[in-house]
Amino acid sequence: MEKNYHVLITRNGETKLMADEMRLQNGIEVKTDGTVIVPGGDRIMLKEGDTMSFGGIITRADSGKVEQICPAK
């Protein structure tokens, strides 16, 4: 079953579709399908409505739970 994921990015108050994957300064990779790869190989999937800061803090839309992603050292 194919699912359509759209990852949006907000910078300087402007929100747009994330066209390409990106690597954050802390080494976290964010893919356009909502997959987040933490240095060391752990994978996290963003779900509809979840948000993630550039510092690697995820807020889950369904529960409001806040998760700090800690890159491997």
C-alpha atoms as a PDB file:
ATOM      1  CA  MET A   1       0.000   0.000   0.000  1.00  0.00           C
ATOM      2  CA  GLU A   2       1.451   3.301  -0.990  1.00  0.00           C
ATOM      3  CA  LYS A   3       1.201   6.175   1.426  1.00  0.00           C
ATOM      4  CA  ASN A   4       1.784   9.785   0.526  1.00  0.00           C
ATOM      5  CA  TYR A   5       3.933  11.574   3.056  1.00  0.00           C
ATOM      6  CA  HIS A   6       4.588  15.273   2.964  1.00  0.00           C
ATOM      7  CA  VAL A   7       7.224  16.737   5.214  1.00  0.00           C
ATOM      8  CA  LEU A   8       6.978  20.470   5.712  1.00  0.00           C
ATOM      9  CA  ILE A   9       9.769  22.719   6.904  1.00  0.00           C
ATOM     10  CA  THR A  10       9.355  26.100   8.563  1.00  0.00           C
ATOM     11  CA  ARG A  11      12.219  28.585   8.504  1.00  0.00           C
ATOM     12  CA  ASN A  12      12.015  32.256   9.313  1.00  0.00           C
ATOM     13  CA  GLY A  13       8.220  32.043   9.508  1.00  0.00           C
ATOM     14  CA  GLU A  14       7.859  30.506   6.018  1.00  0.00           C
ATOM     15  CA  THR A  15       6.491  26.962   5.661  1.00  0.00           C
ATOM     16  CA  LYS A  16       7.054  24.922   2.517  1.00  0.00           C
ATOM     17  CA  LEU A  17       7.332  21.341   1.314  1.00  0.00           C
ATOM     18  CA  MET A  18      10.699  19.764   2.098  1.00  0.00           C
ATOM     19  CA  ALA A  19      11.935  18.850  -1.382  1.00  0.00           C
ATOM     20  CA  ASP A  20      15.218  17.157  -0.431  1.00  0.00           C
ATOM     21  CA  GLU A  21      16.479  15.236   2.562  1.00  0.00           C
ATOM     22  CA  MET A  22      18.498  17.264   5.013  1.00  0.00           C
ATOM     23  CA  ARG A  23      21.175  16.723   7.629  1.00  0.00           C
ATOM     24  CA  LEU A  24      20.955  18.813  10.780  1.00  0.00           C
ATOM     25  CA  GLN A  25      24.038  20.258  12.513  1.00  0.00           C
ATOM     26  CA  ASN A  26      23.825  17.515  15.161  1.00  0.00           C
ATOM     27  CA  GLY A  27      24.076  14.804  12.457  1.00  0.00           C
ATOM     28  CA  ILE A  28      20.396  13.819  12.406  1.00  0.00           C
ATOM     29  CA  GLU A  29      19.128  13.084   8.887  1.00  0.00           C
ATOM     30  CA  VAL A  30      15.544  13.855   7.920  1.00  0.00           C
ATOM     31  CA  LYS A  31      14.186  12.125   4.822  1.00  0.00           C
ATOM     32  CA  THR A  32      11.319  13.442   2.707  1.00  0.00           C
ATOM     33  CA  ASP A  33       9.151  10.452   3.696  1.00  0.00           C
ATOM     34  CA  GLY A  34       9.285  11.374   7.400  1.00  0.00           C
ATOM     35  CA  THR A  35      12.060   8.974   8.373  1.00  0.00           C
ATOM     36  CA  VAL A  36      14.521  10.418  10.886  1.00  0.00           C
ATOM     37  CA  ILE A  37      17.935   8.733  11.105  1.00  0.00           C
ATOM     38  CA  VAL A  38      19.921   9.390  14.255  1.00  0.00           C
ATOM     39  CA  PRO A  39      23.726   9.100  14.122  1.00  0.00           C
ATOM     40  CA  GLY A  40      24.495   5.528  15.035  1.00  0.00           C
ATOM     41  CA  GLY A  41      21.692   4.160  12.865  1.00  0.00           C
ATOM     42  CA  ASP A  42      18.505   4.415  14.950  1.00  0.00           C
ATOM     43  CA  ARG A  43      15.458   5.203  12.803  1.00  0.00           C
ATOM     44  CA  ILE A  44      12.351   7.042  13.920  1.00  0.00           C
ATOM     45  CA  MET A  45       9.254   7.595  11.806  1.00  0.00           C
ATOM     46  CA  LEU A  46       7.403  10.869  12.046  1.00  0.00           C
ATOM     47  CA  LYS A  47       3.629  10.479  11.924  1.00  0.00           C
ATOM     48  CA  GLU A  48       1.032  12.882  10.615  1.00  0.00           C
ATOM     49  CA  GLY A  49       1.046  16.078  12.638  1.00  0.00           C
ATOM     50  CA  ASP A  50       4.302  15.383  14.507  1.00  0.00           C
ATOM     51  CA  THR A  51       6.778  18.231  14.725  1.00  0.00           C
ATOM     52  CA  MET A  52      10.535  18.195  15.122  1.00  0.00           C
ATOM     53  CA  SER A  53      12.802  21.100  16.000  1.00  0.00           C
ATOM     54  CA  PHE A  54      16.155  21.687  14.339  1.00  0.00           C
ATOM     55  CA  GLY A  55      17.664  20.645  17.690  1.00  0.00           C
ATOM     56  CA  GLY A  56      16.111  17.169  17.449  1.00  0.00           C
ATOM     57  CA  ILE A  57      13.103  17.484  19.757  1.00  0.00           C
ATOM     58  CA  ILE A  58      10.018  15.630  18.479  1.00  0.00           C
ATOM     59  CA  THR A  59       6.512  16.473  19.706  1.00  0.00           C
ATOM     60  CA  ARG A  60       4.019  13.714  18.939  1.00  0.00           C
ATOM     61  CA  ALA A  61       0.688  14.997  17.603  1.00  0.00           C
ATOM     62  CA  ASP A  62      -1.413  12.129  18.945  1.00  0.00           C
ATOM     63  CA  SER A  63      -0.199  12.200  22.560  1.00  0.00           C
ATOM     64  CA  GLY A  64       1.645  15.498  22.986  1.00  0.00           C
ATOM     65  CA  LYS A  65       4.647  13.472  24.175  1.00  0.00           C
ATOM     66  CA  VAL A  66       7.987  15.245  23.757  1.00  0.00           C
ATOM     67  CA  GLU A  67      11.019  13.148  22.779  1.00  0.00           C
ATOM     68  CA  GLN A  68      14.615  14.360  22.791  1.00  0.00           C
ATOM     69  CA  ILE A  69      16.640  12.591  20.129  1.00  0.00           C
ATOM     70  CA  CYS A  70      20.132  12.095  21.485  1.00  0.00           C
ATOM     71  CA  PRO A  71      22.717  11.466  18.768  1.00  0.00           C
ATOM     72  CA  ALA A  72      25.197   8.686  19.531  1.00  0.00           C
ATOM     73  CA  LYS A  73      28.531   9.940  20.824  1.00  0.00           C
END
